[in-house]
PDB file of all heavy atoms in Angstrom:
ATOM      1  N   SER A   1     -23.914  -7.374  25.588  1.00  0.00           N
ATOM      2  CA  SER A   1     -24.661  -6.195  26.121  1.00  0.00           C
ATOM      3  C   SER A   1     -25.761  -5.880  25.096  1.00  0.00           C
ATOM      4  O   SER A   1     -25.857  -6.481  24.108  1.00  0.00           O
ATOM      5  CB  SER A   1     -23.754  -5.004  26.392  1.00  0.00           C
ATOM      6  OG  SER A   1     -23.392  -4.362  25.153  1.00  0.00           O
ATOM      7  N   ASP A   2     -26.503  -4.856  25.462  1.00  0.00           N
ATOM      8  CA  ASP A   2     -27.569  -4.427  24.488  1.00  0.00           C
ATOM      9  C   ASP A   2     -27.110  -3.424  23.455  1.00  0.00           C
ATOM     10  O   ASP A   2     -27.860  -3.070  22.600  1.00  0.00           O
ATOM     11  CB  ASP A   2     -28.723  -3.760  25.330  1.00  0.00           C
ATOM     12  CG  ASP A   2     -29.436  -4.669  26.264  1.00  0.00           C
ATOM     13  OD1 ASP A   2     -29.461  -5.867  25.977  1.00  0.00           O
ATOM     14  OD2 ASP A   2     -29.859  -4.296  27.359  1.00  0.00           O
ATOM     15  N   THR A   3     -25.885  -3.003  23.582  1.00  0.00           N
ATOM     16  CA  THR A   3     -25.344  -2.021  22.681  1.00  0.00           C
ATOM     17  C   THR A   3     -24.033  -2.562  22.091  1.00  0.00           C
ATOM     18  O   THR A   3     -23.386  -3.430  22.635  1.00  0.00           O
ATOM     19  CB  THR A   3     -25.039  -0.654  23.365  1.00  0.00           C
ATOM     20  OG1 THR A   3     -24.128  -0.868  24.423  1.00  0.00           O
ATOM     21  CG2 THR A   3     -26.380  -0.043  23.890  1.00  0.00           C
ATOM     22  N   ALA A   4     -23.650  -2.057  20.975  1.00  0.00           N
ATOM     23  CA  ALA A   4     -22.411  -2.504  20.251  1.00  0.00           C
ATOM     24  C   ALA A   4     -21.173  -2.225  21.066  1.00  0.00           C
ATOM     25  O   ALA A   4     -20.326  -3.048  21.265  1.00  0.00           O
ATOM     26  CB  ALA A   4     -22.354  -1.862  18.840  1.00  0.00           C
ATOM     27  N   ILE A   5     -21.084  -1.004  21.628  1.00  0.00           N
ATOM     28  CA  ILE A   5     -19.895  -0.596  22.322  1.00  0.00           C
ATOM     29  C   ILE A   5     -20.052  -0.833  23.832  1.00  0.00           C
ATOM     30  O   ILE A   5     -21.005  -0.421  24.443  1.00  0.00           O
ATOM     31  CB  ILE A   5     -19.548   0.913  22.141  1.00  0.00           C
ATOM     32  CG1 ILE A   5     -19.288   1.200  20.570  1.00  0.00           C
ATOM     33  CG2 ILE A   5     -18.373   1.382  22.961  1.00  0.00           C
ATOM     34  CD1 ILE A   5     -19.102   2.685  20.306  1.00  0.00           C
ATOM     35  N   ILE A   6     -19.118  -1.610  24.356  1.00  0.00           N
ATOM     36  CA  ILE A   6     -19.070  -1.928  25.772  1.00  0.00           C
ATOM     37  C   ILE A   6     -17.995  -1.077  26.401  1.00  0.00           C
ATOM     38  O   ILE A   6     -16.799  -1.205  26.035  1.00  0.00           O
ATOM     39  CB  ILE A   6     -18.764  -3.401  26.018  1.00  0.00           C
ATOM     40  CG1 ILE A   6     -19.851  -4.290  25.353  1.00  0.00           C
ATOM     41  CG2 ILE A   6     -18.747  -3.697  27.506  1.00  0.00           C
ATOM     42  CD1 ILE A   6     -19.462  -5.757  25.366  1.00  0.00           C
ATOM     43  N   HIS A   7     -18.356  -0.195  27.320  1.00  0.00           N
ATOM     44  CA  HIS A   7     -17.375   0.655  27.983  1.00  0.00           C
ATOM     45  C   HIS A   7     -16.846  -0.051  29.291  1.00  0.00           C
ATOM     46  O   HIS A   7     -17.630  -0.168  30.259  1.00  0.00           O
ATOM     47  CB  HIS A   7     -17.967   1.969  28.369  1.00  0.00           C
ATOM     48  CG  HIS A   7     -18.173   2.879  27.159  1.00  0.00           C
ATOM     49  ND1 HIS A   7     -17.160   3.519  26.535  1.00  0.00           N
ATOM     50  CD2 HIS A   7     -19.321   3.189  26.438  1.00  0.00           C
ATOM     51  CE1 HIS A   7     -17.649   4.201  25.436  1.00  0.00           C
ATOM     52  NE2 HIS A   7     -18.902   4.013  25.415  1.00  0.00           N
ATOM     53  N   GLY A   8     -15.721  -0.608  29.197  1.00  0.00           N
ATOM     54  CA  GLY A   8     -15.161  -1.315  30.390  1.00  0.00           C
ATOM     55  C   GLY A   8     -15.027  -0.381  31.589  1.00  0.00           C
ATOM     56  O   GLY A   8     -15.249  -0.789  32.670  1.00  0.00           O
ATOM     57  N   VAL A   9     -14.650   0.841  31.303  1.00  0.00           N
ATOM     58  CA  VAL A   9     -14.530   1.863  32.368  1.00  0.00           C
ATOM     59  C   VAL A   9     -15.559   2.932  32.088  1.00  0.00           C
ATOM     60  O   VAL A   9     -15.455   3.712  31.155  1.00  0.00           O
ATOM     61  CB  VAL A   9     -13.130   2.459  32.392  1.00  0.00           C
ATOM     62  CG1 VAL A   9     -13.022   3.501  33.510  1.00  0.00           C
ATOM     63  CG2 VAL A   9     -12.064   1.356  32.558  1.00  0.00           C
ATOM     64  N   GLU A  10     -16.646   2.985  32.906  1.00  0.00           N
ATOM     65  CA  GLU A  10     -17.739   3.873  32.668  1.00  0.00           C
ATOM     66  C   GLU A  10     -17.375   5.379  32.816  1.00  0.00           C
ATOM     67  O   GLU A  10     -17.770   6.225  32.143  1.00  0.00           O
ATOM     68  CB  GLU A  10     -18.899   3.550  33.559  1.00  0.00           C
ATOM     69  CG  GLU A  10     -19.502   2.166  33.332  1.00  0.00           C
ATOM     70  CD  GLU A  10     -20.488   1.817  34.317  1.00  0.00           C
ATOM     71  OE1 GLU A  10     -20.748   2.577  35.250  1.00  0.00           O
ATOM     72  OE2 GLU A  10     -21.128   0.737  34.145  1.00  0.00           O
ATOM     73  N   GLU A  11     -16.416   5.615  33.792  1.00  0.00           N
ATOM     74  CA  GLU A  11     -15.944   6.998  33.974  1.00  0.00           C
ATOM     75  C   GLU A  11     -14.387   6.975  33.861  1.00  0.00           C
ATOM     76  O   GLU A  11     -13.613   7.169  34.785  1.00  0.00           O
ATOM     77  CB  GLU A  11     -16.332   7.461  35.400  1.00  0.00           C
ATOM     78  CG  GLU A  11     -17.809   7.510  35.591  1.00  0.00           C
ATOM     79  CD  GLU A  11     -18.231   8.035  36.978  1.00  0.00           C
ATOM     80  OE1 GLU A  11     -17.343   8.292  37.821  1.00  0.00           O
ATOM     81  OE2 GLU A  11     -19.393   8.151  37.249  1.00  0.00           O
ATOM     82  N   SER A  12     -13.993   6.852  32.576  1.00  0.00           N
ATOM     83  CA  SER A  12     -12.604   6.738  32.298  1.00  0.00           C
ATOM     84  C   SER A  12     -11.802   7.957  32.680  1.00  0.00           C
ATOM     85  O   SER A  12     -10.659   7.836  33.133  1.00  0.00           O
ATOM     86  CB  SER A  12     -12.374   6.395  30.791  1.00  0.00           C
ATOM     87  OG  SER A  12     -12.959   7.377  29.956  1.00  0.00           O
ATOM     88  N   GLU A  13     -12.342   9.117  32.426  1.00  0.00           N
ATOM     89  CA  GLU A  13     -11.666  10.340  32.833  1.00  0.00           C
ATOM     90  C   GLU A  13     -11.362  10.424  34.308  1.00  0.00           C
ATOM     91  O   GLU A  13     -10.238  10.774  34.720  1.00  0.00           O
ATOM     92  CB  GLU A  13     -12.487  11.635  32.397  1.00  0.00           C
ATOM     93  CG  GLU A  13     -11.762  12.880  32.653  1.00  0.00           C
ATOM     94  CD  GLU A  13     -12.533  14.160  32.213  1.00  0.00           C
ATOM     95  OE1 GLU A  13     -13.604  13.915  31.530  1.00  0.00           O
ATOM     96  OE2 GLU A  13     -12.119  15.243  32.443  1.00  0.00           O
ATOM     97  N   LYS A  14     -12.340  10.019  35.154  1.00  0.00           N
ATOM     98  CA  LYS A  14     -12.165   9.996  36.622  1.00  0.00           C
ATOM     99  C   LYS A  14     -11.088   8.926  36.965  1.00  0.00           C
ATOM    100  O   LYS A  14     -10.173   9.262  37.854  1.00  0.00           O
ATOM    101  CB  LYS A  14     -13.460   9.605  37.310  1.00  0.00           C
ATOM    102  CG  LYS A  14     -13.428   9.726  38.791  1.00  0.00           C
ATOM    103  CD  LYS A  14     -14.722   9.377  39.454  1.00  0.00           C
ATOM    104  CE  LYS A  14     -15.767  10.394  39.178  1.00  0.00           C
ATOM    105  NZ  LYS A  14     -17.047  10.154  39.914  1.00  0.00           N
ATOM    106  N   LEU A  15     -11.078   7.790  36.363  1.00  0.00           N
ATOM    107  CA  LEU A  15     -10.106   6.788  36.629  1.00  0.00           C
ATOM    108  C   LEU A  15      -8.682   7.281  36.276  1.00  0.00           C
ATOM    109  O   LEU A  15      -7.740   7.165  37.072  1.00  0.00           O
ATOM    110  CB  LEU A  15     -10.353   5.474  35.866  1.00  0.00           C
ATOM    111  CG  LEU A  15      -9.297   4.389  36.063  1.00  0.00           C
ATOM    112  CD1 LEU A  15      -9.117   3.899  37.479  1.00  0.00           C
ATOM    113  CD2 LEU A  15      -9.578   3.218  35.106  1.00  0.00           C
ATOM    114  N   LEU A  16      -8.529   7.835  35.113  1.00  0.00           N
ATOM    115  CA  LEU A  16      -7.237   8.366  34.707  1.00  0.00           C
ATOM    116  C   LEU A  16      -6.700   9.447  35.646  1.00  0.00           C
ATOM    117  O   LEU A  16      -5.528   9.539  35.878  1.00  0.00           O
ATOM    118  CB  LEU A  16      -7.303   8.884  33.270  1.00  0.00           C
ATOM    119  CG  LEU A  16      -7.538   7.778  32.139  1.00  0.00           C
ATOM    120  CD1 LEU A  16      -7.710   8.367  30.754  1.00  0.00           C
ATOM    121  CD2 LEU A  16      -6.300   6.814  32.144  1.00  0.00           C
ATOM    122  N   ASN A  17      -7.602  10.349  36.038  1.00  0.00           N
ATOM    123  CA  ASN A  17      -7.256  11.338  36.994  1.00  0.00           C
ATOM    124  C   ASN A  17      -6.730  10.699  38.327  1.00  0.00           C
ATOM    125  O   ASN A  17      -5.706  11.169  38.923  1.00  0.00           O
ATOM    126  CB  ASN A  17      -8.402  12.286  37.327  1.00  0.00           C
ATOM    127  CG  ASN A  17      -8.735  13.219  36.194  1.00  0.00           C
ATOM    128  OD1 ASN A  17      -7.869  13.510  35.273  1.00  0.00           O
ATOM    129  ND2 ASN A  17      -9.867  13.757  36.040  1.00  0.00           N
ATOM    130  N   ARG A  18      -7.373   9.675  38.761  1.00  0.00           N
ATOM    131  CA  ARG A  18      -6.958   8.981  40.024  1.00  0.00           C
ATOM    132  C   ARG A  18      -5.642   8.256  39.794  1.00  0.00           C
ATOM    133  O   ARG A  18      -4.829   8.238  40.733  1.00  0.00           O
ATOM    134  CB  ARG A  18      -8.032   7.994  40.393  1.00  0.00           C
ATOM    135  CG  ARG A  18      -7.729   7.183  41.650  1.00  0.00           C
ATOM    136  CD  ARG A  18      -7.662   8.085  42.894  1.00  0.00           C
ATOM    137  NE  ARG A  18      -7.229   7.319  44.053  1.00  0.00           N
ATOM    138  CZ  ARG A  18      -5.948   7.219  44.403  1.00  0.00           C
ATOM    139  NH1 ARG A  18      -4.997   7.783  43.619  1.00  0.00           N
ATOM    140  NH2 ARG A  18      -5.594   6.614  45.498  1.00  0.00           N
ATOM    141  N   LEU A  19      -5.374   7.731  38.610  1.00  0.00           N
ATOM    142  CA  LEU A  19      -4.150   6.959  38.454  1.00  0.00           C
ATOM    143  C   LEU A  19      -2.986   7.830  38.049  1.00  0.00           C
ATOM    144  O   LEU A  19      -1.839   7.401  38.006  1.00  0.00           O
ATOM    145  CB  LEU A  19      -4.391   5.958  37.276  1.00  0.00           C
ATOM    146  CG  LEU A  19      -5.340   4.788  37.565  1.00  0.00           C
ATOM    147  CD1 LEU A  19      -5.575   3.928  36.324  1.00  0.00           C
ATOM    148  CD2 LEU A  19      -4.752   3.878  38.704  1.00  0.00           C
ATOM    149  N   GLU A  20      -3.237   9.141  37.799  1.00  0.00           N
ATOM    150  CA  GLU A  20      -2.182  10.022  37.348  1.00  0.00           C
ATOM    151  C   GLU A  20      -0.987  10.059  38.352  1.00  0.00           C
ATOM    152  O   GLU A  20       0.169  10.122  37.966  1.00  0.00           O
ATOM    153  CB  GLU A  20      -2.700  11.457  37.129  1.00  0.00           C
ATOM    154  CG  GLU A  20      -1.724  12.410  36.548  1.00  0.00           C
ATOM    155  CD  GLU A  20      -2.290  13.745  36.215  1.00  0.00           C
ATOM    156  OE1 GLU A  20      -3.498  13.826  35.836  1.00  0.00           O
ATOM    157  OE2 GLU A  20      -1.534  14.774  36.306  1.00  0.00           O
ATOM    158  N   GLU A  21      -1.265   9.956  39.655  1.00  0.00           N
ATOM    159  CA  GLU A  21      -0.224   9.968  40.603  1.00  0.00           C
ATOM    160  C   GLU A  21       0.685   8.749  40.518  1.00  0.00           C
ATOM    161  O   GLU A  21       1.840   8.870  41.050  1.00  0.00           O
ATOM    162  CB  GLU A  21      -0.819   9.953  41.985  1.00  0.00           C
ATOM    163  CG  GLU A  21      -1.592   8.678  42.467  1.00  0.00           C
ATOM    164  CD  GLU A  21      -2.163   8.724  43.892  1.00  0.00           C
ATOM    165  OE1 GLU A  21      -1.398   8.419  44.770  1.00  0.00           O
ATOM    166  OE2 GLU A  21      -3.303   9.126  43.975  1.00  0.00           O
ATOM    167  N   TYR A  22       0.291   7.674  39.845  1.00  0.00           N
ATOM    168  CA  TYR A  22       1.154   6.515  39.709  1.00  0.00           C
ATOM    169  C   TYR A  22       2.003   6.595  38.408  1.00  0.00           C
ATOM    170  O   TYR A  22       2.912   5.754  38.261  1.00  0.00           O
ATOM    171  CB  TYR A  22       0.271   5.260  39.697  1.00  0.00           C
ATOM    172  CG  TYR A  22      -0.433   4.961  40.969  1.00  0.00           C
ATOM    173  CD1 TYR A  22      -1.775   5.296  41.170  1.00  0.00           C
ATOM    174  CD2 TYR A  22       0.267   4.364  42.018  1.00  0.00           C
ATOM    175  CE1 TYR A  22      -2.387   4.970  42.353  1.00  0.00           C
ATOM    176  CE2 TYR A  22      -0.359   4.129  43.234  1.00  0.00           C
ATOM    177  CZ  TYR A  22      -1.696   4.426  43.392  1.00  0.00           C
ATOM    178  OH  TYR A  22      -2.338   4.158  44.593  1.00  0.00           O
ATOM    179  N   LEU A  23       1.643   7.535  37.504  1.00  0.00           N
ATOM    180  CA  LEU A  23       2.432   7.543  36.260  1.00  0.00           C
ATOM    181  C   LEU A  23       3.925   7.628  36.382  1.00  0.00           C
ATOM    182  O   LEU A  23       4.654   7.003  35.594  1.00  0.00           O
ATOM    183  CB  LEU A  23       1.908   8.689  35.326  1.00  0.00           C
ATOM    184  CG  LEU A  23       0.594   8.454  34.606  1.00  0.00           C
ATOM    185  CD1 LEU A  23       0.156   9.732  33.929  1.00  0.00           C
ATOM    186  CD2 LEU A  23       0.851   7.337  33.554  1.00  0.00           C
ATOM    187  N   PRO A  24       4.470   8.428  37.385  1.00  0.00           N
ATOM    188  CA  PRO A  24       5.922   8.436  37.481  1.00  0.00           C
ATOM    189  C   PRO A  24       6.523   7.100  37.823  1.00  0.00           C
ATOM    190  O   PRO A  24       7.770   6.919  37.615  1.00  0.00           O
ATOM    191  CB  PRO A  24       6.129   9.477  38.638  1.00  0.00           C
ATOM    192  CG  PRO A  24       4.903  10.287  38.571  1.00  0.00           C
ATOM    193  CD  PRO A  24       3.825   9.412  38.246  1.00  0.00           C
TER     194      PRO A  24
END
């Protein structure tokens, strides 16, 4: 990429909120 840090998940907070229902 053009930057050192590559963010695999651009909106990680949104993804984690969506996956929270699967945590149990």
